[in-house]
């Protein structure tokens, strides 16, 4: 009997979150389960967590995984916020071996974008959509006529002030420096205006935890592009990863 839904997984710096997802509706079919990200988060250690996750759901079907790296054909290419031992590792292969399942791995911000463009605030938008997720880092996703431009690393771009964007305007920077929403928003506005000047999107979607607080800081934004809050919050990555896995294995 065909298993209902797809297991979606979001691997983050502090936790690995997963749930079985109805990819036709963009909703969770189970409670979300979380396991702490191991430290150090080596390939072997994370593969063990993935084995535990599959066992928790008694899962034998396809798995979609959002991973904090550039991922090309299943191979991890960067390690800005993960263990350096991941570089050059075929994540799809190591997770398939640990879980016994078909696995599709993609960049975590791209996964969140897939959920948003399929079921979120811009699901009917056919123009140039820029999604920016803000948390420990800054993830950037671009859709052109609903087609994903994968693996953009524009959260690491050097700003005109000479500082990397993540080191200047992430939510971690706000918390670590005890910045007010106004002070942080003015920094992030510099980043938004810079992205706008480079890409000229039709709409910007703001995701991540800060999107819940837009009423506290959006008044400080000055860019011309309309900005909307993402519909998905903490579930975006795992929902989008599940959708991407369904497209790879079932369509």
C-alpha atoms as a PDB file:
ATOM      1  CA  UNK A   1       0.000   0.000   0.000  1.00  0.00           C
ATOM      2  CA  UNK A   2       1.331   3.432  -0.911  1.00  0.00           C
ATOM      3  CA  UNK A   3       2.336   5.451   2.138  1.00  0.00           C
ATOM      4  CA  UNK A   4       0.368   8.638   2.608  1.00  0.00           C
ATOM      5  CA  UNK A   5       2.346  11.861   2.567  1.00  0.00           C
ATOM      6  CA  UNK A   6       6.094  12.512   2.500  1.00  0.00           C
ATOM      7  CA  UNK A   7       8.421  12.812   5.479  1.00  0.00           C
ATOM      8  CA  UNK A   8       9.776  16.374   5.484  1.00  0.00           C
ATOM      9  CA  UNK A   9      12.867  17.266   7.506  1.00  0.00           C
ATOM     10  CA  UNK A  10      14.485  20.594   8.339  1.00  0.00           C
ATOM     11  CA  UNK A  11      18.065  20.321   9.622  1.00  0.00           C
ATOM     12  CA  UNK A  12      19.047  23.419  11.585  1.00  0.00           C
ATOM     13  CA  UNK A  13      21.878  24.537  13.793  1.00  0.00           C
ATOM     14  CA  UNK A  14      20.091  23.722  17.041  1.00  0.00           C
ATOM     15  CA  UNK A  15      17.466  21.170  16.061  1.00  0.00           C
ATOM     16  CA  UNK A  16      16.383  18.638  13.438  1.00  0.00           C
ATOM     17  CA  UNK A  17      12.614  18.918  12.909  1.00  0.00           C
ATOM     18  CA  UNK A  18      10.399  16.559  10.961  1.00  0.00           C
ATOM     19  CA  UNK A  19       6.779  15.675  10.230  1.00  0.00           C
ATOM     20  CA  UNK A  20       4.805  13.729   7.662  1.00  0.00           C
ATOM     21  CA  UNK A  21       3.442  16.251   5.155  1.00  0.00           C
ATOM     22  CA  UNK A  22       0.396  16.201   2.902  1.00  0.00           C
ATOM     23  CA  UNK A  23       2.167  17.703  -0.089  1.00  0.00           C
ATOM     24  CA  UNK A  24      -1.085  18.225  -2.000  1.00  0.00           C
ATOM     25  CA  UNK A  25      -2.412  20.566   0.692  1.00  0.00           C
ATOM     26  CA  UNK A  26       0.751  21.848   2.385  1.00  0.00           C
ATOM     27  CA  UNK A  27      -0.287  20.689   5.842  1.00  0.00           C
ATOM     28  CA  UNK A  28       1.236  18.414   8.473  1.00  0.00           C
ATOM     29  CA  UNK A  29      -0.336  14.987   8.924  1.00  0.00           C
ATOM     30  CA  UNK A  30       1.505  14.387  12.211  1.00  0.00           C
ATOM     31  CA  UNK A  31       2.857  16.369  15.115  1.00  0.00           C
ATOM     32  CA  UNK A  32       6.262  17.850  14.422  1.00  0.00           C
ATOM     33  CA  UNK A  33       9.073  15.880  16.084  1.00  0.00           C
ATOM     34  CA  UNK A  34      12.339  17.516  17.112  1.00  0.00           C
ATOM     35  CA  UNK A  35      15.734  16.054  17.958  1.00  0.00           C
ATOM     36  CA  UNK A  36      18.615  18.276  19.075  1.00  0.00           C
ATOM     37  CA  UNK A  37      21.284  18.764  16.440  1.00  0.00           C
ATOM     38  CA  UNK A  38      24.383  16.871  17.600  1.00  0.00           C
ATOM     39  CA  UNK A  39      27.549  18.784  18.459  1.00  0.00           C
ATOM     40  CA  UNK A  40      29.731  18.502  16.533  1.00  0.00           C
ATOM     41  CA  UNK A  41      27.247  17.935  13.707  1.00  0.00           C
ATOM     42  CA  UNK A  42      29.461  15.617  11.668  1.00  0.00           C
ATOM     43  CA  UNK A  43      28.030  13.593   8.763  1.00  0.00           C
ATOM     44  CA  UNK A  44      28.044  10.438  10.885  1.00  0.00           C
ATOM     45  CA  UNK A  45      26.322  12.128  13.835  1.00  0.00           C
ATOM     46  CA  UNK A  46      23.581  13.756  11.725  1.00  0.00           C
ATOM     47  CA  UNK A  47      23.037  10.514   9.807  1.00  0.00           C
ATOM     48  CA  UNK A  48      22.399   8.800  13.144  1.00  0.00           C
ATOM     49  CA  UNK A  49      19.788  11.448  14.008  1.00  0.00           C
ATOM     50  CA  UNK A  50      18.116  10.885  10.640  1.00  0.00           C
ATOM     51  CA  UNK A  51      17.956   7.147  11.392  1.00  0.00           C
ATOM     52  CA  UNK A  52      16.276   7.947  14.724  1.00  0.00           C
ATOM     53  CA  UNK A  53      13.855  10.304  12.972  1.00  0.00           C
ATOM     54  CA  UNK A  54      12.795   7.686  10.412  1.00  0.00           C
ATOM     55  CA  UNK A  55      12.345   5.135  13.198  1.00  0.00           C
ATOM     56  CA  UNK A  56      10.232   7.574  15.216  1.00  0.00           C
ATOM     57  CA  UNK A  57       7.746   7.822  12.342  1.00  0.00           C
ATOM     58  CA  UNK A  58       8.175   4.137  11.346  1.00  0.00           C
ATOM     59  CA  UNK A  59       8.917   5.609   7.931  1.00  0.00           C
ATOM     60  CA  UNK A  60       9.731   3.646   4.765  1.00  0.00           C
ATOM     61  CA  UNK A  61       8.775   6.117   2.036  1.00  0.00           C
ATOM     62  CA  UNK A  62      10.523   9.093   0.399  1.00  0.00           C
ATOM     63  CA  UNK A  63      12.181  11.738   2.581  1.00  0.00           C
ATOM     64  CA  UNK A  64      12.798  15.386   1.710  1.00  0.00           C
ATOM     65  CA  UNK A  65      15.474  17.222   3.687  1.00  0.00           C
ATOM     66  CA  UNK A  66      16.244  20.935   3.903  1.00  0.00           C
ATOM     67  CA  UNK A  67      19.957  21.327   4.639  1.00  0.00           C
ATOM     68  CA  UNK A  68      21.935  24.494   5.600  1.00  0.00           C
ATOM     69  CA  UNK A  69      24.325  24.426   2.656  1.00  0.00           C
ATOM     70  CA  UNK A  70      24.627  24.734  -1.083  1.00  0.00           C
ATOM     71  CA  UNK A  71      23.618  21.276  -2.312  1.00  0.00           C
ATOM     72  CA  UNK A  72      24.327  20.186  -5.895  1.00  0.00           C
ATOM     73  CA  UNK A  73      23.077  16.774  -7.032  1.00  0.00           C
ATOM     74  CA  UNK A  74      22.953  15.683  -3.407  1.00  0.00           C
ATOM     75  CA  UNK A  75      26.525  16.775  -2.613  1.00  0.00           C
ATOM     76  CA  UNK A  76      27.221  19.394   0.087  1.00  0.00           C
ATOM     77  CA  UNK A  77      29.375  22.221  -1.277  1.00  0.00           C
ATOM     78  CA  UNK A  78      29.567  24.817   1.512  1.00  0.00           C
ATOM     79  CA  UNK A  79      29.752  24.843   5.288  1.00  0.00           C
ATOM     80  CA  UNK A  80      29.182  28.360   6.576  1.00  0.00           C
ATOM     81  CA  UNK A  81      27.049  27.249   9.530  1.00  0.00           C
ATOM     82  CA  UNK A  82      27.721  23.485   9.696  1.00  0.00           C
ATOM     83  CA  UNK A  83      30.683  21.181  10.381  1.00  0.00           C
ATOM     84  CA  UNK A  84      33.386  21.550   7.694  1.00  0.00           C
ATOM     85  CA  UNK A  85      33.565  17.746   7.352  1.00  0.00           C
ATOM     86  CA  UNK A  86      30.345  17.965   5.315  1.00  0.00           C
ATOM     87  CA  UNK A  87      32.033  19.597   2.332  1.00  0.00           C
ATOM     88  CA  UNK A  88      32.169  17.139  -0.553  1.00  0.00           C
ATOM     89  CA  UNK A  89      29.892  14.608   1.167  1.00  0.00           C
ATOM     90  CA  UNK A  90      26.960  13.136  -0.753  1.00  0.00           C
ATOM     91  CA  UNK A  91      24.241  13.893   1.798  1.00  0.00           C
ATOM     92  CA  UNK A  92      21.557  12.043  -0.152  1.00  0.00           C
ATOM     93  CA  UNK A  93      23.650   8.895  -0.141  1.00  0.00           C
ATOM     94  CA  UNK A  94      24.597   8.983   3.547  1.00  0.00           C
ATOM     95  CA  UNK A  95      21.003   9.693   4.638  1.00  0.00           C
ATOM     96  CA  UNK A  96      19.613   7.022   2.310  1.00  0.00           C
ATOM     97  CA  UNK A  97      21.991   4.501   3.848  1.00  0.00           C
ATOM     98  CA  UNK A  98      21.098   5.475   7.425  1.00  0.00           C
ATOM     99  CA  UNK A  99      17.312   5.480   6.867  1.00  0.00           C
ATOM    100  CA  UNK A 100      16.866   2.851   4.142  1.00  0.00           C
ATOM    101  CA  UNK A 101      14.699   5.342   2.222  1.00  0.00           C
ATOM    102  CA  UNK A 102      14.849   7.358  -0.976  1.00  0.00           C
ATOM    103  CA  UNK A 103      16.147  10.789   0.051  1.00  0.00           C
ATOM    104  CA  UNK A 104      16.188  14.179  -1.677  1.00  0.00           C
ATOM    105  CA  UNK A 105      18.310  16.958  -0.132  1.00  0.00           C
ATOM    106  CA  UNK A 106      18.139  20.641  -1.017  1.00  0.00           C
ATOM    107  CA  UNK A 107      19.214  23.942   0.475  1.00  0.00           C
ATOM    108  CA  UNK A 108      17.107  24.798   3.537  1.00  0.00           C
ATOM    109  CA  UNK A 109      16.161  28.295   2.377  1.00  0.00           C
ATOM    110  CA  UNK A 110      15.222  26.892  -1.038  1.00  0.00           C
ATOM    111  CA  UNK A 111      12.994  24.361   0.738  1.00  0.00           C
ATOM    112  CA  UNK A 112      11.222  27.141   2.638  1.00  0.00           C
ATOM    113  CA  UNK A 113      10.757  28.999  -0.631  1.00  0.00           C
ATOM    114  CA  UNK A 114       9.201  25.973  -2.305  1.00  0.00           C
ATOM    115  CA  UNK A 115       6.542  25.845   0.440  1.00  0.00           C
ATOM    116  CA  UNK A 116       5.859  29.563   0.147  1.00  0.00           C
ATOM    117  CA  UNK A 117       5.558  29.676  -3.648  1.00  0.00           C
ATOM    118  CA  UNK A 118       3.328  26.580  -3.672  1.00  0.00           C
ATOM    119  CA  UNK A 119       0.969  27.359  -0.793  1.00  0.00           C
ATOM    120  CA  UNK A 120       1.948  30.696   0.739  1.00  0.00           C
ATOM    121  CA  UNK A 121       1.340  34.400   0.352  1.00  0.00           C
ATOM    122  CA  UNK A 122       2.742  34.529  -3.192  1.00  0.00           C
ATOM    123  CA  UNK A 123       1.270  31.283  -4.541  1.00  0.00           C
ATOM    124  CA  UNK A 124      -0.509  33.186  -7.344  1.00  0.00           C
ATOM    125  CA  UNK A 125       2.430  35.457  -8.170  1.00  0.00           C
ATOM    126  CA  UNK A 126       4.119  34.742 -11.516  1.00  0.00           C
ATOM    127  CA  UNK A 127       6.730  37.498 -11.452  1.00  0.00           C
ATOM    128  CA  UNK A 128      10.143  37.735  -9.823  1.00  0.00           C
ATOM    129  CA  UNK A 129       9.750  36.735  -6.170  1.00  0.00           C
ATOM    130  CA  UNK A 130      12.540  37.250  -3.644  1.00  0.00           C
ATOM    131  CA  UNK A 131      12.179  35.337  -0.371  1.00  0.00           C
ATOM    132  CA  UNK A 132      14.485  36.263   2.506  1.00  0.00           C
ATOM    133  CA  UNK A 133      14.515  34.114   5.646  1.00  0.00           C
ATOM    134  CA  UNK A 134      16.027  35.726   8.724  1.00  0.00           C
ATOM    135  CA  UNK A 135      17.278  33.766  11.714  1.00  0.00           C
ATOM    136  CA  UNK A 136      20.763  32.725  12.817  1.00  0.00           C
ATOM    137  CA  UNK A 137      21.747  33.584   9.273  1.00  0.00           C
ATOM    138  CA  UNK A 138      20.098  35.079   6.204  1.00  0.00           C
ATOM    139  CA  UNK A 139      18.743  32.781   3.506  1.00  0.00           C
ATOM    140  CA  UNK A 140      17.830  34.118   0.084  1.00  0.00           C
ATOM    141  CA  UNK A 141      15.579  32.399  -2.460  1.00  0.00           C
ATOM    142  CA  UNK A 142      14.593  33.627  -5.899  1.00  0.00           C
ATOM    143  CA  UNK A 143      11.700  32.461  -8.079  1.00  0.00           C
ATOM    144  CA  UNK A 144      11.304  33.570 -11.687  1.00  0.00           C
ATOM    145  CA  UNK A 145       7.837  32.721 -13.015  1.00  0.00           C
ATOM    146  CA  UNK A 146       7.555  30.164 -10.183  1.00  0.00           C
ATOM    147  CA  UNK A 147      10.828  28.478 -11.158  1.00  0.00           C
ATOM    148  CA  UNK A 148      13.417  28.194  -8.396  1.00  0.00           C
ATOM    149  CA  UNK A 149      16.877  29.670  -8.915  1.00  0.00           C
ATOM    150  CA  UNK A 150      18.645  27.272  -6.550  1.00  0.00           C
ATOM    151  CA  UNK A 151      21.508  27.724  -4.099  1.00  0.00           C
ATOM    152  CA  UNK A 152      21.792  31.495  -3.941  1.00  0.00           C
ATOM    153  CA  UNK A 153      24.163  32.495  -1.138  1.00  0.00           C
ATOM    154  CA  UNK A 154      23.260  36.170  -1.018  1.00  0.00           C
ATOM    155  CA  UNK A 155      23.063  36.141   2.768  1.00  0.00           C
ATOM    156  CA  UNK A 156      26.870  36.063   2.617  1.00  0.00           C
ATOM    157  CA  UNK A 157      27.190  38.948   0.183  1.00  0.00           C
ATOM    158  CA  UNK A 158      29.456  41.801   1.245  1.00  0.00           C
ATOM    159  CA  UNK A 159      27.459  44.970   1.837  1.00  0.00           C
ATOM    160  CA  UNK A 160      28.595  48.379   0.551  1.00  0.00           C
ATOM    161  CA  UNK A 161      29.780  49.054   4.130  1.00  0.00           C
ATOM    162  CA  UNK A 162      32.268  46.187   3.798  1.00  0.00           C
ATOM    163  CA  UNK A 163      30.471  43.800   6.203  1.00  0.00           C
ATOM    164  CA  UNK A 164      28.947  40.432   5.311  1.00  0.00           C
ATOM    165  CA  UNK A 165      25.140  40.672   5.369  1.00  0.00           C
ATOM    166  CA  UNK A 166      24.664  37.883   7.929  1.00  0.00           C
ATOM    167  CA  UNK A 167      27.211  39.493  10.251  1.00  0.00           C
ATOM    168  CA  UNK A 168      25.417  42.826   9.985  1.00  0.00           C
ATOM    169  CA  UNK A 169      21.678  42.202   9.796  1.00  0.00           C
ATOM    170  CA  UNK A 170      20.688  38.677  10.886  1.00  0.00           C
ATOM    171  CA  UNK A 171      18.332  38.084  13.800  1.00  0.00           C
ATOM    172  CA  UNK A 172      21.251  36.560  15.714  1.00  0.00           C
ATOM    173  CA  UNK A 173      23.078  39.868  15.370  1.00  0.00           C
ATOM    174  CA  UNK A 174      20.004  41.683  16.718  1.00  0.00           C
ATOM    175  CA  UNK A 175      19.876  39.414  19.764  1.00  0.00           C
ATOM    176  CA  UNK A 176      23.635  39.249  20.384  1.00  0.00           C
ATOM    177  CA  UNK A 177      23.950  43.037  20.275  1.00  0.00           C
ATOM    178  CA  UNK A 178      20.668  43.704  22.089  1.00  0.00           C
ATOM    179  CA  UNK A 179      19.494  45.937  19.248  1.00  0.00           C
ATOM    180  CA  UNK A 180      16.066  47.534  19.365  1.00  0.00           C
ATOM    181  CA  UNK A 181      13.687  46.614  16.558  1.00  0.00           C
ATOM    182  CA  UNK A 182      14.227  50.086  15.120  1.00  0.00           C
ATOM    183  CA  UNK A 183      18.022  49.839  15.149  1.00  0.00           C
ATOM    184  CA  UNK A 184      17.970  46.353  13.670  1.00  0.00           C
ATOM    185  CA  UNK A 185      15.358  47.296  11.050  1.00  0.00           C
ATOM    186  CA  UNK A 186      17.499  50.155   9.802  1.00  0.00           C
ATOM    187  CA  UNK A 187      20.369  47.710   9.291  1.00  0.00           C
ATOM    188  CA  UNK A 188      18.140  45.186   7.569  1.00  0.00           C
ATOM    189  CA  UNK A 189      16.654  47.945   5.426  1.00  0.00           C
ATOM    190  CA  UNK A 190      20.147  48.647   4.083  1.00  0.00           C
ATOM    191  CA  UNK A 191      20.348  45.004   3.067  1.00  0.00           C
ATOM    192  CA  UNK A 192      16.877  45.034   1.479  1.00  0.00           C
ATOM    193  CA  UNK A 193      17.683  48.135  -0.552  1.00  0.00           C
ATOM    194  CA  UNK A 194      20.946  46.576  -1.698  1.00  0.00           C
ATOM    195  CA  UNK A 195      19.176  43.384  -2.815  1.00  0.00           C
ATOM    196  CA  UNK A 196      16.549  45.484  -4.541  1.00  0.00           C
ATOM    197  CA  UNK A 197      19.195  47.382  -6.498  1.00  0.00           C
ATOM    198  CA  UNK A 198      20.809  44.126  -7.650  1.00  0.00           C
ATOM    199  CA  UNK A 199      17.743  42.004  -8.433  1.00  0.00           C
ATOM    200  CA  UNK A 200      14.740  44.328  -8.873  1.00  0.00           C
ATOM    201  CA  UNK A 201      12.129  41.835  -7.643  1.00  0.00           C
ATOM    202  CA  UNK A 202       8.387  42.347  -8.030  1.00  0.00           C
ATOM    203  CA  UNK A 203       7.739  41.340  -4.419  1.00  0.00           C
ATOM    204  CA  UNK A 204       9.806  40.471  -1.351  1.00  0.00           C
ATOM    205  CA  UNK A 205       8.647  37.802   1.096  1.00  0.00           C
ATOM    206  CA  UNK A 206      10.109  38.012   4.582  1.00  0.00           C
ATOM    207  CA  UNK A 207      10.316  34.704   6.441  1.00  0.00           C
ATOM    208  CA  UNK A 208      11.899  33.269   9.539  1.00  0.00           C
ATOM    209  CA  UNK A 209      10.999  34.056  13.126  1.00  0.00           C
ATOM    210  CA  UNK A 210      11.141  37.827  12.655  1.00  0.00           C
ATOM    211  CA  UNK A 211       8.265  37.722  10.175  1.00  0.00           C
ATOM    212  CA  UNK A 212       5.895  37.319  13.129  1.00  0.00           C
ATOM    213  CA  UNK A 213       7.007  40.754  14.386  1.00  0.00           C
ATOM    214  CA  UNK A 214       6.732  42.767  11.175  1.00  0.00           C
ATOM    215  CA  UNK A 215       4.352  45.217  12.796  1.00  0.00           C
ATOM    216  CA  UNK A 216       7.225  46.322  15.032  1.00  0.00           C
ATOM    217  CA  UNK A 217       9.754  47.164  12.335  1.00  0.00           C
ATOM    218  CA  UNK A 218       8.304  47.269   8.795  1.00  0.00           C
ATOM    219  CA  UNK A 219       7.646  51.016   9.115  1.00  0.00           C
ATOM    220  CA  UNK A 220      11.419  51.555   8.948  1.00  0.00           C
ATOM    221  CA  UNK A 221      11.758  49.963   5.500  1.00  0.00           C
ATOM    222  CA  UNK A 222      12.238  52.370   2.617  1.00  0.00           C
ATOM    223  CA  UNK A 223      12.630  50.165  -0.469  1.00  0.00           C
ATOM    224  CA  UNK A 224      10.077  50.515  -3.266  1.00  0.00           C
ATOM    225  CA  UNK A 225       9.284  46.791  -3.564  1.00  0.00           C
ATOM    226  CA  UNK A 226       6.159  45.514  -1.753  1.00  0.00           C
ATOM    227  CA  UNK A 227       7.108  43.368   1.263  1.00  0.00           C
ATOM    228  CA  UNK A 228       4.837  40.666   2.675  1.00  0.00           C
ATOM    229  CA  UNK A 229       5.229  38.268   5.592  1.00  0.00           C
ATOM    230  CA  UNK A 230       5.712  34.600   4.809  1.00  0.00           C
ATOM    231  CA  UNK A 231       2.689  32.385   5.464  1.00  0.00           C
ATOM    232  CA  UNK A 232       4.802  29.507   6.767  1.00  0.00           C
ATOM    233  CA  UNK A 233       6.960  29.983   9.849  1.00  0.00           C
ATOM    234  CA  UNK A 234       8.849  27.133  11.522  1.00  0.00           C
ATOM    235  CA  UNK A 235       7.184  24.556   9.270  1.00  0.00           C
ATOM    236  CA  UNK A 236       8.303  26.085   5.967  1.00  0.00           C
ATOM    237  CA  UNK A 237      11.519  24.128   5.544  1.00  0.00           C
ATOM    238  CA  UNK A 238      10.109  20.691   6.206  1.00  0.00           C
ATOM    239  CA  UNK A 239       6.951  21.312   4.137  1.00  0.00           C
ATOM    240  CA  UNK A 240       8.982  22.554   1.179  1.00  0.00           C
ATOM    241  CA  UNK A 241      11.470  19.679   1.465  1.00  0.00           C
ATOM    242  CA  UNK A 242       8.598  17.193   1.348  1.00  0.00           C
ATOM    243  CA  UNK A 243       7.127  18.894  -1.743  1.00  0.00           C
ATOM    244  CA  UNK A 244      10.512  18.793  -3.475  1.00  0.00           C
ATOM    245  CA  UNK A 245      10.897  15.078  -2.665  1.00  0.00           C
ATOM    246  CA  UNK A 246       7.451  14.293  -4.069  1.00  0.00           C
ATOM    247  CA  UNK A 247       8.333  16.091  -7.302  1.00  0.00           C
ATOM    248  CA  UNK A 248      11.546  14.070  -7.605  1.00  0.00           C
ATOM    249  CA  UNK A 249      10.253  10.631  -6.727  1.00  0.00           C
ATOM    250  CA  UNK A 250       6.541  10.597  -7.586  1.00  0.00           C
ATOM    251  CA  UNK A 251       5.881  12.956 -10.486  1.00  0.00           C
END
